[in-house]
Amino acid sequence: MYPRCGSNGSIQNIHQTPSSSNQNTEDEDDSGDNKASALSFKERRREAHTQAEQKRRDAIKKGYDSLQELVPTCQQTDASGYKPSKAAVLQKSIDYIQYLLQQRRRQEDERNALRKDVVALRIMQANYEQIVKAQHSVPGHNEQRLTDQDKFKVFQGIMDKLFESFESVPTNNFAEFSAGVFNWLEEYCKPQSLRTMVHGVLREQSYTP
């Protein structure tokens, strides 16, 4: 109980009940809890940010380590014995990718050239089979049996002449090469041209066609 002056100058007693004292204590506790909660939230955010940043750095480091394992030039150390820097790893990776792209383009060009050779050989094979079939159908034609060695010599002679004639095809660029191949097929791979060529090879091998 505490004294208090009234409006008429008299002293009045103020009774402070236990409930009001408890209320003040609870308010102070709530305020402290709110501050602690706010501080804990900031700490959690800071911790989450730190973990995310560390995870990002670990992912970047793992990526650089993978590049060093995959790119052959990144596996070499410099004169000082240290591993290449991140900038050097990136540049060497770019150079290696460009090298692989050039190799791929070169292989594609070689594959296209081989495909054209296969097409040309198939055409020659079909024409040669037609020539042989036509010769066998000639009345009174006496087939001369040849050994496998003789057949190989005849085939080798025919292919040598065809490849010699194929050297006239220009190979400066793809357009000239394509046009040259078609011209070569029309000039040297026609049935009449192949028939003349086969007869010449047979005469050279001392066989009568």
N, C-alpha and C. Protein backbone atom coordinates (compact mmCIF):
# COMPACT_ATOMS: atom_id res chain seq x y z
N MET A 1 0.86 -1.18 0.00
CA MET A 1 0.00 0.00 0.00
C MET A 1 0.89 1.22 0.00
N TYR A 2 0.60 2.23 -0.87
CA TYR A 2 1.42 3.42 -1.00
C TYR A 2 0.52 4.63 -0.82
N PRO A 3 1.03 5.71 -0.13
CA PRO A 3 0.24 6.95 0.05
C PRO A 3 0.22 7.75 -1.22
N ARG A 4 -0.86 8.49 -1.47
CA ARG A 4 -0.98 9.38 -2.62
C ARG A 4 -1.79 10.59 -2.21
N CYS A 5 -1.41 11.77 -2.66
CA CYS A 5 -2.12 13.01 -2.34
C CYS A 5 -3.35 13.13 -3.18
N GLY A 6 -4.48 13.47 -2.52
CA GLY A 6 -5.72 13.67 -3.25
C GLY A 6 -5.84 15.08 -3.75
N SER A 7 -6.96 15.38 -4.39
CA SER A 7 -7.18 16.72 -4.94
C SER A 7 -7.38 17.75 -3.84
N ASN A 8 -7.82 17.33 -2.66
CA ASN A 8 -8.03 18.25 -1.55
C ASN A 8 -6.86 18.29 -0.60
N GLY A 9 -5.72 17.70 -1.01
CA GLY A 9 -4.52 17.74 -0.19
C GLY A 9 -4.41 16.60 0.77
N SER A 10 -5.43 15.77 0.86
CA SER A 10 -5.36 14.65 1.78
C SER A 10 -4.57 13.52 1.18
N ILE A 11 -4.04 12.72 2.03
CA ILE A 11 -3.23 11.59 1.58
C ILE A 11 -4.13 10.38 1.46
N GLN A 12 -4.06 9.78 0.30
CA GLN A 12 -4.85 8.58 0.06
C GLN A 12 -3.90 7.39 -0.09
N ASN A 13 -4.39 6.30 0.31
CA ASN A 13 -3.60 5.07 0.19
C ASN A 13 -3.98 4.33 -1.09
N ILE A 14 -2.94 3.88 -1.80
CA ILE A 14 -3.15 3.12 -3.05
C ILE A 14 -2.76 1.69 -2.77
N HIS A 15 -3.67 0.87 -2.99
CA HIS A 15 -3.43 -0.56 -2.78
C HIS A 15 -3.01 -1.20 -4.11
N GLN A 16 -1.85 -1.82 -4.17
CA GLN A 16 -1.37 -2.54 -5.37
C GLN A 16 -1.60 -4.01 -5.15
N THR A 17 -2.50 -4.52 -5.92
CA THR A 17 -2.88 -5.93 -5.76
C THR A 17 -1.83 -6.83 -6.39
N PRO A 18 -1.74 -8.08 -6.00
CA PRO A 18 -0.79 -9.04 -6.60
C PRO A 18 -1.05 -9.26 -8.08
N SER A 19 -2.30 -9.12 -8.51
CA SER A 19 -2.60 -9.36 -9.93
C SER A 19 -1.96 -8.32 -10.82
N SER A 20 -1.95 -7.04 -10.37
CA SER A 20 -1.34 -5.99 -11.19
C SER A 20 0.17 -6.18 -11.26
N SER A 21 0.77 -6.63 -10.20
CA SER A 21 2.22 -6.88 -10.20
C SER A 21 2.57 -8.02 -11.14
N ASN A 22 1.75 -9.03 -11.12
CA ASN A 22 1.99 -10.16 -12.02
C ASN A 22 1.83 -9.75 -13.48
N GLN A 23 0.89 -8.84 -13.74
CA GLN A 23 0.67 -8.37 -15.11
C GLN A 23 1.90 -7.66 -15.65
N ASN A 24 2.50 -6.82 -14.80
CA ASN A 24 3.71 -6.11 -15.22
C ASN A 24 4.84 -7.08 -15.53
N THR A 25 4.96 -8.10 -14.71
CA THR A 25 6.02 -9.10 -14.93
C THR A 25 5.81 -9.85 -16.23
N GLU A 26 4.54 -10.18 -16.51
CA GLU A 26 4.25 -10.89 -17.75
C GLU A 26 4.54 -10.03 -18.97
N ASP A 27 4.24 -8.71 -18.88
CA ASP A 27 4.54 -7.81 -20.01
C ASP A 27 6.03 -7.76 -20.28
N GLU A 28 6.80 -7.69 -19.19
CA GLU A 28 8.25 -7.65 -19.36
C GLU A 28 8.76 -8.95 -19.98
N ASP A 29 8.18 -10.08 -19.54
CA ASP A 29 8.59 -11.37 -20.11
C ASP A 29 8.25 -11.47 -21.59
N ASP A 30 7.03 -10.97 -21.96
CA ASP A 30 6.63 -11.01 -23.37
C ASP A 30 7.57 -10.17 -24.23
N SER A 31 7.95 -9.00 -23.72
CA SER A 31 8.85 -8.13 -24.47
C SER A 31 10.20 -8.80 -24.66
N GLY A 32 10.68 -9.46 -23.63
CA GLY A 32 11.96 -10.17 -23.75
C GLY A 32 11.88 -11.32 -24.73
N ASP A 33 10.74 -12.03 -24.71
CA ASP A 33 10.57 -13.14 -25.64
C ASP A 33 10.53 -12.66 -27.08
N ASN A 34 9.87 -11.51 -27.31
CA ASN A 34 9.79 -10.96 -28.67
C ASN A 34 11.18 -10.58 -29.19
N LYS A 35 11.97 -9.97 -28.31
CA LYS A 35 13.33 -9.59 -28.72
C LYS A 35 14.16 -10.84 -29.02
N ALA A 36 14.03 -11.83 -28.17
CA ALA A 36 14.78 -13.06 -28.39
C ALA A 36 14.33 -13.75 -29.67
N SER A 37 13.01 -13.71 -29.94
CA SER A 37 12.49 -14.33 -31.15
C SER A 37 13.00 -13.62 -32.40
N ALA A 38 13.00 -12.27 -32.35
CA ALA A 38 13.50 -11.50 -33.50
C ALA A 38 14.98 -11.77 -33.72
N LEU A 39 15.74 -11.83 -32.64
CA LEU A 39 17.17 -12.12 -32.76
C LEU A 39 17.40 -13.52 -33.30
N SER A 40 16.60 -14.48 -32.83
CA SER A 40 16.74 -15.85 -33.32
C SER A 40 16.40 -15.95 -34.80
N PHE A 41 15.40 -15.20 -35.27
CA PHE A 41 15.01 -15.21 -36.68
C PHE A 41 16.15 -14.66 -37.55
N LYS A 42 16.78 -13.57 -37.10
CA LYS A 42 17.89 -13.01 -37.86
C LYS A 42 19.07 -13.98 -37.92
N GLU A 43 19.30 -14.64 -36.79
CA GLU A 43 20.39 -15.61 -36.78
C GLU A 43 20.12 -16.77 -37.72
N ARG A 44 18.86 -17.22 -37.77
CA ARG A 44 18.51 -18.31 -38.68
C ARG A 44 18.67 -17.88 -40.13
N ARG A 45 18.24 -16.65 -40.43
CA ARG A 45 18.41 -16.15 -41.80
C ARG A 45 19.88 -16.05 -42.17
N ARG A 46 20.69 -15.55 -41.24
CA ARG A 46 22.12 -15.43 -41.49
C ARG A 46 22.74 -16.81 -41.70
N GLU A 47 22.33 -17.77 -40.89
CA GLU A 47 22.86 -19.12 -41.01
C GLU A 47 22.44 -19.77 -42.33
N ALA A 48 21.17 -19.55 -42.73
CA ALA A 48 20.69 -20.10 -44.00
C ALA A 48 21.44 -19.49 -45.18
N HIS A 49 21.68 -18.17 -45.11
CA HIS A 49 22.42 -17.50 -46.17
C HIS A 49 23.85 -18.03 -46.25
N THR A 50 24.47 -18.23 -45.09
CA THR A 50 25.84 -18.76 -45.06
C THR A 50 25.90 -20.15 -45.66
N GLN A 51 24.93 -20.99 -45.32
CA GLN A 51 24.91 -22.35 -45.86
C GLN A 51 24.69 -22.35 -47.37
N ALA A 52 23.78 -21.48 -47.85
CA ALA A 52 23.53 -21.40 -49.29
C ALA A 52 24.76 -20.93 -50.04
N GLU A 53 25.46 -19.95 -49.48
CA GLU A 53 26.68 -19.45 -50.12
C GLU A 53 27.76 -20.52 -50.15
N GLN A 54 27.89 -21.27 -49.06
CA GLN A 54 28.88 -22.34 -49.02
C GLN A 54 28.54 -23.44 -50.02
N LYS A 55 27.25 -23.73 -50.15
CA LYS A 55 26.81 -24.74 -51.11
C LYS A 55 27.12 -24.30 -52.54
N ARG A 56 26.90 -23.01 -52.81
CA ARG A 56 27.20 -22.49 -54.15
C ARG A 56 28.70 -22.58 -54.45
N ARG A 57 29.52 -22.23 -53.47
CA ARG A 57 30.97 -22.30 -53.68
C ARG A 57 31.43 -23.74 -53.88
N ASP A 58 30.84 -24.66 -53.13
CA ASP A 58 31.20 -26.07 -53.29
C ASP A 58 30.83 -26.57 -54.69
N ALA A 59 29.66 -26.13 -55.19
CA ALA A 59 29.24 -26.55 -56.54
C ALA A 59 30.19 -26.00 -57.60
N ILE A 60 30.62 -24.75 -57.44
CA ILE A 60 31.56 -24.16 -58.40
C ILE A 60 32.89 -24.90 -58.36
N LYS A 61 33.37 -25.19 -57.16
CA LYS A 61 34.64 -25.91 -57.02
C LYS A 61 34.55 -27.30 -57.64
N LYS A 62 33.41 -27.97 -57.43
CA LYS A 62 33.22 -29.29 -58.01
C LYS A 62 33.22 -29.22 -59.53
N GLY A 63 32.61 -28.16 -60.08
CA GLY A 63 32.60 -27.99 -61.53
C GLY A 63 34.00 -27.79 -62.09
N TYR A 64 34.80 -26.97 -61.44
CA TYR A 64 36.18 -26.76 -61.89
C TYR A 64 37.00 -28.05 -61.78
N ASP A 65 36.79 -28.80 -60.70
CA ASP A 65 37.51 -30.06 -60.55
C ASP A 65 37.14 -31.04 -61.67
N SER A 66 35.86 -31.06 -62.05
CA SER A 66 35.43 -31.94 -63.13
C SER A 66 36.06 -31.53 -64.46
N LEU A 67 36.14 -30.22 -64.71
CA LEU A 67 36.78 -29.74 -65.94
C LEU A 67 38.25 -30.14 -65.98
N GLN A 68 38.93 -30.03 -64.86
CA GLN A 68 40.34 -30.41 -64.81
C GLN A 68 40.53 -31.89 -65.09
N GLU A 69 39.56 -32.71 -64.70
CA GLU A 69 39.66 -34.15 -64.95
C GLU A 69 39.34 -34.49 -66.41
N LEU A 70 38.41 -33.74 -67.03
CA LEU A 70 37.96 -34.07 -68.38
C LEU A 70 38.86 -33.48 -69.46
N VAL A 71 39.36 -32.27 -69.26
CA VAL A 71 40.17 -31.59 -70.27
C VAL A 71 41.62 -32.00 -70.10
N PRO A 72 42.24 -32.61 -71.11
CA PRO A 72 43.62 -33.09 -70.95
C PRO A 72 44.61 -31.98 -70.62
N THR A 73 44.48 -30.81 -71.25
CA THR A 73 45.44 -29.74 -71.02
C THR A 73 45.32 -29.14 -69.62
N CYS A 74 44.19 -29.35 -68.95
CA CYS A 74 44.02 -28.82 -67.59
C CYS A 74 44.68 -29.72 -66.55
N GLN A 75 45.07 -30.91 -66.95
CA GLN A 75 45.69 -31.83 -66.01
C GLN A 75 47.18 -31.56 -65.84
N GLN A 76 47.71 -30.65 -66.65
CA GLN A 76 49.12 -30.32 -66.57
C GLN A 76 49.33 -29.13 -65.64
N THR A 77 50.36 -29.20 -64.82
CA THR A 77 50.70 -28.09 -63.93
C THR A 77 51.68 -27.17 -64.63
N ASP A 78 51.72 -25.91 -64.18
CA ASP A 78 52.63 -24.96 -64.80
C ASP A 78 54.05 -25.17 -64.29
N ALA A 79 54.95 -24.26 -64.68
CA ALA A 79 56.36 -24.41 -64.33
C ALA A 79 56.58 -24.33 -62.83
N SER A 80 55.74 -23.59 -62.13
CA SER A 80 55.90 -23.45 -60.68
C SER A 80 55.38 -24.65 -59.91
N GLY A 81 54.70 -25.57 -60.59
CA GLY A 81 54.19 -26.75 -59.93
C GLY A 81 52.78 -26.60 -59.39
N TYR A 82 52.17 -25.42 -59.58
CA TYR A 82 50.81 -25.19 -59.09
C TYR A 82 49.80 -25.57 -60.16
N LYS A 83 48.59 -25.88 -59.71
CA LYS A 83 47.51 -26.17 -60.64
C LYS A 83 47.10 -24.90 -61.37
N PRO A 84 46.54 -25.03 -62.58
CA PRO A 84 46.11 -23.83 -63.31
C PRO A 84 44.99 -23.09 -62.58
N SER A 85 44.95 -21.79 -62.77
CA SER A 85 43.92 -20.98 -62.13
C SER A 85 42.56 -21.26 -62.76
N LYS A 86 41.51 -20.71 -62.14
CA LYS A 86 40.17 -20.91 -62.67
C LYS A 86 40.02 -20.30 -64.06
N ALA A 87 40.62 -19.12 -64.25
CA ALA A 87 40.56 -18.49 -65.57
C ALA A 87 41.27 -19.35 -66.62
N ALA A 88 42.41 -19.94 -66.24
CA ALA A 88 43.14 -20.81 -67.17
C ALA A 88 42.34 -22.07 -67.47
N VAL A 89 41.66 -22.61 -66.47
CA VAL A 89 40.83 -23.81 -66.68
C VAL A 89 39.71 -23.51 -67.68
N LEU A 90 39.06 -22.36 -67.52
CA LEU A 90 37.98 -22.00 -68.45
C LEU A 90 38.51 -21.82 -69.87
N GLN A 91 39.64 -21.12 -70.01
CA GLN A 91 40.19 -20.87 -71.34
C GLN A 91 40.63 -22.17 -72.01
N LYS A 92 41.28 -23.04 -71.26
CA LYS A 92 41.71 -24.33 -71.83
C LYS A 92 40.51 -25.20 -72.18
N SER A 93 39.45 -25.10 -71.40
CA SER A 93 38.23 -25.86 -71.71
C SER A 93 37.61 -25.37 -73.01
N ILE A 94 37.59 -24.04 -73.20
CA ILE A 94 37.05 -23.48 -74.44
C ILE A 94 37.89 -23.92 -75.63
N ASP A 95 39.21 -23.87 -75.49
CA ASP A 95 40.09 -24.29 -76.58
C ASP A 95 39.88 -25.77 -76.92
N TYR A 96 39.70 -26.58 -75.90
CA TYR A 96 39.52 -28.02 -76.13
C TYR A 96 38.19 -28.30 -76.82
N ILE A 97 37.14 -27.58 -76.44
CA ILE A 97 35.83 -27.75 -77.09
C ILE A 97 35.91 -27.34 -78.56
N GLN A 98 36.60 -26.23 -78.85
CA GLN A 98 36.77 -25.81 -80.24
C GLN A 98 37.55 -26.85 -81.04
N TYR A 99 38.55 -27.45 -80.41
CA TYR A 99 39.32 -28.50 -81.08
C TYR A 99 38.43 -29.70 -81.40
N LEU A 100 37.58 -30.09 -80.45
CA LEU A 100 36.67 -31.22 -80.68
C LEU A 100 35.68 -30.91 -81.80
N LEU A 101 35.20 -29.67 -81.86
CA LEU A 101 34.28 -29.30 -82.93
C LEU A 101 34.96 -29.37 -84.30
N GLN A 102 36.21 -28.93 -84.37
CA GLN A 102 36.95 -29.03 -85.63
C GLN A 102 37.15 -30.48 -86.04
N GLN A 103 37.48 -31.33 -85.07
CA GLN A 103 37.64 -32.75 -85.36
C GLN A 103 36.34 -33.37 -85.86
N ARG A 104 35.24 -32.95 -85.25
CA ARG A 104 33.94 -33.49 -85.67
C ARG A 104 33.61 -33.07 -87.09
N ARG A 105 33.86 -31.79 -87.43
CA ARG A 105 33.60 -31.34 -88.80
C ARG A 105 34.47 -32.08 -89.80
N ARG A 106 35.74 -32.31 -89.44
CA ARG A 106 36.63 -33.03 -90.35
C ARG A 106 36.15 -34.47 -90.55
N GLN A 107 35.71 -35.11 -89.49
CA GLN A 107 35.21 -36.48 -89.61
C GLN A 107 33.93 -36.54 -90.44
N GLU A 108 33.08 -35.53 -90.29
CA GLU A 108 31.86 -35.49 -91.10
C GLU A 108 32.20 -35.33 -92.59
N ASP A 109 33.20 -34.49 -92.89
CA ASP A 109 33.61 -34.33 -94.29
C ASP A 109 34.17 -35.64 -94.84
N GLU A 110 34.98 -36.32 -94.04
CA GLU A 110 35.52 -37.60 -94.49
C GLU A 110 34.42 -38.64 -94.68
N ARG A 111 33.44 -38.63 -93.79
CA ARG A 111 32.34 -39.58 -93.91
C ARG A 111 31.52 -39.31 -95.16
N ASN A 112 31.27 -38.03 -95.46
CA ASN A 112 30.52 -37.70 -96.67
C ASN A 112 31.29 -38.12 -97.92
N ALA A 113 32.62 -37.93 -97.90
CA ALA A 113 33.42 -38.34 -99.04
C ALA A 113 33.38 -39.86 -99.22
N LEU A 114 33.44 -40.59 -98.11
CA LEU A 114 33.37 -42.06 -98.18
C LEU A 114 32.01 -42.52 -98.70
N ARG A 115 30.96 -41.83 -98.29
CA ARG A 115 29.64 -42.19 -98.79
C ARG A 115 29.56 -42.03 -100.30
N LYS A 116 30.15 -40.95 -100.81
CA LYS A 116 30.16 -40.73 -102.26
C LYS A 116 30.97 -41.82 -102.96
N ASP A 117 32.08 -42.22 -102.34
CA ASP A 117 32.87 -43.31 -102.93
C ASP A 117 32.08 -44.61 -102.97
N VAL A 118 31.32 -44.87 -101.91
CA VAL A 118 30.51 -46.09 -101.87
C VAL A 118 29.46 -46.06 -102.97
N VAL A 119 28.82 -44.90 -103.15
CA VAL A 119 27.81 -44.78 -104.20
C VAL A 119 28.44 -45.02 -105.57
N ALA A 120 29.61 -44.43 -105.79
CA ALA A 120 30.28 -44.62 -107.08
C ALA A 120 30.66 -46.08 -107.30
N LEU A 121 31.16 -46.74 -106.26
CA LEU A 121 31.54 -48.15 -106.40
C LEU A 121 30.32 -49.03 -106.66
N ARG A 122 29.21 -48.72 -106.04
CA ARG A 122 28.00 -49.51 -106.29
C ARG A 122 27.52 -49.35 -107.72
N ILE A 123 27.63 -48.12 -108.23
CA ILE A 123 27.25 -47.90 -109.63
C ILE A 123 28.16 -48.69 -110.56
N MET A 124 29.46 -48.66 -110.25
CA MET A 124 30.41 -49.41 -111.08
C MET A 124 30.14 -50.91 -111.00
N GLN A 125 29.80 -51.38 -109.81
CA GLN A 125 29.50 -52.80 -109.65
C GLN A 125 28.29 -53.20 -110.47
N ALA A 126 27.24 -52.36 -110.41
CA ALA A 126 26.03 -52.68 -111.18
C ALA A 126 26.31 -52.69 -112.67
N ASN A 127 27.09 -51.71 -113.14
CA ASN A 127 27.42 -51.67 -114.57
C ASN A 127 28.28 -52.87 -114.98
N TYR A 128 29.22 -53.22 -114.11
CA TYR A 128 30.07 -54.36 -114.42
C TYR A 128 29.25 -55.65 -114.48
N GLU A 129 28.30 -55.80 -113.58
CA GLU A 129 27.46 -56.99 -113.61
C GLU A 129 26.62 -57.03 -114.89
N GLN A 130 26.17 -55.87 -115.35
CA GLN A 130 25.42 -55.83 -116.60
C GLN A 130 26.30 -56.24 -117.78
N ILE A 131 27.55 -55.78 -117.75
CA ILE A 131 28.47 -56.14 -118.85
C ILE A 131 28.71 -57.65 -118.87
N VAL A 132 28.96 -58.21 -117.69
CA VAL A 132 29.22 -59.65 -117.62
C VAL A 132 27.99 -60.43 -118.07
N LYS A 133 26.82 -59.98 -117.64
CA LYS A 133 25.59 -60.67 -118.03
C LYS A 133 25.36 -60.59 -119.53
N ALA A 134 25.67 -59.43 -120.11
CA ALA A 134 25.49 -59.27 -121.56
C ALA A 134 26.45 -60.16 -122.33
N GLN A 135 27.67 -60.28 -121.84
CA GLN A 135 28.64 -61.14 -122.53
C GLN A 135 28.24 -62.61 -122.46
N HIS A 136 27.70 -63.02 -121.33
CA HIS A 136 27.29 -64.41 -121.19
C HIS A 136 26.08 -64.74 -122.06
N SER A 137 25.30 -63.72 -122.39
CA SER A 137 24.10 -63.97 -123.20
C SER A 137 24.39 -63.96 -124.70
N VAL A 138 25.63 -63.66 -125.10
CA VAL A 138 25.98 -63.64 -126.53
C VAL A 138 26.02 -65.07 -127.05
N PRO A 139 25.31 -65.37 -128.17
CA PRO A 139 25.33 -66.75 -128.71
C PRO A 139 26.73 -67.15 -129.15
N GLY A 140 27.09 -68.37 -128.88
CA GLY A 140 28.39 -68.88 -129.28
C GLY A 140 29.53 -68.39 -128.41
N HIS A 141 29.20 -67.73 -127.31
CA HIS A 141 30.26 -67.22 -126.44
C HIS A 141 30.85 -68.36 -125.62
N ASN A 142 32.12 -68.55 -125.76
CA ASN A 142 32.81 -69.60 -125.02
C ASN A 142 33.42 -69.00 -123.76
N GLU A 143 32.86 -69.36 -122.66
CA GLU A 143 33.34 -68.83 -121.39
C GLU A 143 34.68 -69.45 -121.03
N GLN A 144 35.61 -68.62 -120.75
CA GLN A 144 36.93 -69.09 -120.35
C GLN A 144 36.99 -69.07 -118.83
N ARG A 145 37.16 -70.21 -118.23
CA ARG A 145 37.18 -70.30 -116.78
C ARG A 145 38.49 -69.70 -116.26
N LEU A 146 38.36 -68.80 -115.31
CA LEU A 146 39.52 -68.13 -114.74
C LEU A 146 39.69 -68.54 -113.29
N THR A 147 40.92 -68.56 -112.87
CA THR A 147 41.19 -68.84 -111.47
C THR A 147 40.89 -67.59 -110.63
N ASP A 148 40.82 -67.79 -109.33
CA ASP A 148 40.58 -66.64 -108.44
C ASP A 148 41.69 -65.61 -108.55
N GLN A 149 42.91 -66.07 -108.75
CA GLN A 149 44.03 -65.13 -108.90
C GLN A 149 43.88 -64.30 -110.17
N ASP A 150 43.44 -64.96 -111.26
CA ASP A 150 43.24 -64.23 -112.51
C ASP A 150 42.10 -63.22 -112.38
N LYS A 151 41.04 -63.64 -111.71
CA LYS A 151 39.92 -62.72 -111.50
C LYS A 151 40.34 -61.50 -110.69
N PHE A 152 41.17 -61.75 -109.68
CA PHE A 152 41.64 -60.63 -108.86
C PHE A 152 42.50 -59.68 -109.69
N LYS A 153 43.33 -60.21 -110.57
CA LYS A 153 44.16 -59.35 -111.41
C LYS A 153 43.31 -58.50 -112.34
N VAL A 154 42.27 -59.12 -112.91
CA VAL A 154 41.37 -58.36 -113.78
C VAL A 154 40.67 -57.26 -113.00
N PHE A 155 40.15 -57.62 -111.83
CA PHE A 155 39.47 -56.62 -111.00
C PHE A 155 40.43 -55.51 -110.59
N GLN A 156 41.65 -55.87 -110.23
CA GLN A 156 42.63 -54.87 -109.84
C GLN A 156 42.95 -53.92 -110.99
N GLY A 157 43.07 -54.48 -112.20
CA GLY A 157 43.34 -53.64 -113.35
C GLY A 157 42.20 -52.66 -113.62
N ILE A 158 40.96 -53.13 -113.47
CA ILE A 158 39.80 -52.25 -113.69
C ILE A 158 39.79 -51.13 -112.65
N MET A 159 39.99 -51.48 -111.38
CA MET A 159 39.95 -50.48 -110.32
C MET A 159 41.09 -49.48 -110.46
N ASP A 160 42.25 -49.94 -110.88
CA ASP A 160 43.38 -49.01 -111.07
C ASP A 160 43.04 -47.96 -112.11
N LYS A 161 42.43 -48.38 -113.20
CA LYS A 161 42.08 -47.42 -114.25
C LYS A 161 40.99 -46.46 -113.77
N LEU A 162 40.04 -46.97 -113.00
CA LEU A 162 38.99 -46.10 -112.50
C LEU A 162 39.54 -45.06 -111.52
N PHE A 163 40.42 -45.50 -110.63
CA PHE A 163 40.99 -44.56 -109.68
C PHE A 163 41.92 -43.56 -110.36
N GLU A 164 42.60 -43.99 -111.41
CA GLU A 164 43.42 -43.04 -112.16
C GLU A 164 42.55 -41.97 -112.80
N SER A 165 41.42 -42.38 -113.36
CA SER A 165 40.53 -41.39 -113.97
C SER A 165 39.87 -40.51 -112.91
N PHE A 166 39.69 -41.03 -111.70
CA PHE A 166 39.04 -40.25 -110.63
C PHE A 166 39.92 -39.12 -110.13
N GLU A 167 41.22 -39.20 -110.40
CA GLU A 167 42.12 -38.13 -109.97
C GLU A 167 41.84 -36.82 -110.68
N SER A 168 41.11 -36.87 -111.79
CA SER A 168 40.76 -35.64 -112.51
C SER A 168 39.64 -34.86 -111.83
N VAL A 169 39.00 -35.45 -110.82
CA VAL A 169 37.90 -34.77 -110.12
C VAL A 169 38.49 -33.70 -109.19
N PRO A 170 38.04 -32.45 -109.31
CA PRO A 170 38.58 -31.39 -108.44
C PRO A 170 38.10 -31.56 -107.00
N THR A 171 38.96 -31.22 -106.07
CA THR A 171 38.63 -31.35 -104.64
C THR A 171 38.88 -30.06 -103.88
N ASN A 172 38.80 -28.92 -104.57
CA ASN A 172 39.05 -27.65 -103.90
C ASN A 172 37.96 -27.32 -102.88
N ASN A 173 36.72 -27.58 -103.24
CA ASN A 173 35.61 -27.34 -102.33
C ASN A 173 34.51 -28.35 -102.63
N PHE A 174 33.48 -28.32 -101.79
CA PHE A 174 32.42 -29.33 -101.90
C PHE A 174 31.64 -29.18 -103.20
N ALA A 175 31.38 -27.95 -103.63
CA ALA A 175 30.59 -27.74 -104.84
C ALA A 175 31.32 -28.30 -106.07
N GLU A 176 32.62 -27.97 -106.19
CA GLU A 176 33.39 -28.48 -107.32
C GLU A 176 33.52 -30.00 -107.26
N PHE A 177 33.69 -30.52 -106.05
CA PHE A 177 33.83 -31.97 -105.90
C PHE A 177 32.56 -32.70 -106.33
N SER A 178 31.40 -32.19 -105.88
CA SER A 178 30.13 -32.83 -106.24
C SER A 178 29.91 -32.81 -107.75
N ALA A 179 30.16 -31.64 -108.36
CA ALA A 179 29.98 -31.54 -109.81
C ALA A 179 30.97 -32.45 -110.53
N GLY A 180 32.20 -32.52 -110.02
CA GLY A 180 33.20 -33.37 -110.66
C GLY A 180 32.86 -34.85 -110.57
N VAL A 181 32.28 -35.27 -109.45
CA VAL A 181 31.91 -36.68 -109.29
C VAL A 181 30.83 -37.06 -110.30
N PHE A 182 29.83 -36.20 -110.46
CA PHE A 182 28.76 -36.52 -111.42
C PHE A 182 29.31 -36.55 -112.85
N ASN A 183 30.18 -35.62 -113.17
CA ASN A 183 30.78 -35.63 -114.51
C ASN A 183 31.62 -36.89 -114.73
N TRP A 184 32.33 -37.29 -113.67
CA TRP A 184 33.16 -38.50 -113.77
C TRP A 184 32.29 -39.74 -113.96
N LEU A 185 31.18 -39.81 -113.24
CA LEU A 185 30.28 -40.96 -113.39
C LEU A 185 29.71 -41.03 -114.80
N GLU A 186 29.33 -39.87 -115.34
CA GLU A 186 28.75 -39.87 -116.68
C GLU A 186 29.78 -40.22 -117.76
N GLU A 187 31.03 -39.86 -117.50
CA GLU A 187 32.05 -40.08 -118.54
C GLU A 187 32.69 -41.46 -118.46
N TYR A 188 32.98 -41.93 -117.26
CA TYR A 188 33.75 -43.16 -117.12
C TYR A 188 32.94 -44.37 -116.65
N CYS A 189 31.74 -44.15 -116.15
CA CYS A 189 30.97 -45.26 -115.58
C CYS A 189 29.76 -45.64 -116.41
N LYS A 190 29.67 -45.15 -117.61
CA LYS A 190 28.61 -45.60 -118.50
C LYS A 190 28.91 -47.03 -118.96
N PRO A 191 27.88 -47.79 -119.26
CA PRO A 191 28.11 -49.19 -119.67
C PRO A 191 29.11 -49.32 -120.82
N GLN A 192 28.99 -48.46 -121.82
CA GLN A 192 29.90 -48.55 -122.96
C GLN A 192 31.34 -48.25 -122.54
N SER A 193 31.51 -47.24 -121.67
CA SER A 193 32.86 -46.89 -121.22
C SER A 193 33.46 -48.02 -120.39
N LEU A 194 32.65 -48.59 -119.50
CA LEU A 194 33.14 -49.69 -118.68
C LEU A 194 33.44 -50.92 -119.53
N ARG A 195 32.62 -51.16 -120.55
CA ARG A 195 32.85 -52.32 -121.42
C ARG A 195 34.19 -52.17 -122.14
N THR A 196 34.44 -50.97 -122.64
CA THR A 196 35.72 -50.72 -123.31
C THR A 196 36.89 -50.89 -122.35
N MET A 197 36.70 -50.40 -121.12
CA MET A 197 37.75 -50.51 -120.13
C MET A 197 38.03 -51.97 -119.78
N VAL A 198 36.97 -52.76 -119.59
CA VAL A 198 37.14 -54.18 -119.26
C VAL A 198 37.84 -54.92 -120.38
N HIS A 199 37.46 -54.64 -121.61
CA HIS A 199 38.12 -55.30 -122.75
C HIS A 199 39.60 -54.95 -122.78
N GLY A 200 39.91 -53.68 -122.49
CA GLY A 200 41.32 -53.29 -122.49
C GLY A 200 42.11 -54.00 -121.40
N VAL A 201 41.50 -54.13 -120.23
CA VAL A 201 42.19 -54.83 -119.14
C VAL A 201 42.38 -56.30 -119.49
N LEU A 202 41.37 -56.91 -120.08
CA LEU A 202 41.50 -58.32 -120.45
C LEU A 202 42.59 -58.52 -121.50
N ARG A 203 42.69 -57.58 -122.42
CA ARG A 203 43.75 -57.69 -123.42
C ARG A 203 45.12 -57.53 -122.76
N GLU A 204 45.21 -56.61 -121.80
CA GLU A 204 46.48 -56.44 -121.10
C GLU A 204 46.86 -57.69 -120.32
N GLN A 205 45.85 -58.39 -119.80
CA GLN A 205 46.10 -59.61 -119.05
C GLN A 205 46.18 -60.85 -119.96
N SER A 206 46.15 -60.61 -121.27
CA SER A 206 46.26 -61.69 -122.27
C SER A 206 45.06 -62.62 -122.23
N TYR A 207 43.86 -62.04 -121.93
CA TYR A 207 42.64 -62.81 -122.00
C TYR A 207 41.81 -62.28 -123.15
N THR A 208 41.15 -63.15 -123.87
CA THR A 208 40.30 -62.75 -124.99
C THR A 208 38.89 -62.50 -124.49
N PRO A 209 38.34 -61.29 -124.62
CA PRO A 209 36.99 -61.01 -124.14
C PRO A 209 35.96 -61.70 -125.01
